[in-house]
């Protein structure tokens, strides 16, 4: 079954380029397009999509707010934020809004296709180490609900789960965490799954975001 992709970008030329790349794939189809976030939300009411490629800066409704509204709906498609180097702060806001990752607009076609497949399968497409560098730069500039309310969420975790969450937030892979804690990789994967479930998070990207918001990890990647 093909991955149903929606393209959201106010530049028609970019949408055309993305559509041509995706149309050449046997496992993908572009089912809808929109020129801004408001139109995207409206179109999604009548069109089923699996993955939304979401631009950030658009008229009427930007990609961050559109992502927040889309991801708040039950059974929502996965959202992949498209950005440029000088818009990293918007990418971070998109991750907080529920996006499953972000990529640069000039990404090679093969990487874009791989990212769409990864997001569709439930993975985050941003490496934790990359996310951490992004957070180090922009977390102090972005609004937060404050550390105290979110800090209480960590009380749901066991001591081992907090250890695993800390290492995830510091950019370690499951294999690296397993070696650090002398556990099997399967056990680490189980812990990560329980962390996501207990905290109501979608993926490892949101684990990193929460770790920063609660102060579990400081800017610079170190533990508190």
Foldseek 3Di string as FASTA:
>chain_A
DAAEEEEEALDPVLVVVLQVLQVVDPRYHHPYYYNALVVVVVVCVPDDGAEYEAEADGPPHGRLVSLLVQQVDPPGHAYEYEDAPVCLLSQLSSVVSPHLEYDYSPDPSVLVVVCSVQVSVQARSDQLCNLLLSCLPPVVVDDDPAQPVLLVLCVLDDPVLLVLLLVLLLRDDLVRSCVVVVHDSVVSVVSLVVSCVSNVHRYSSVSNVSCDRNQCADNVSHGD
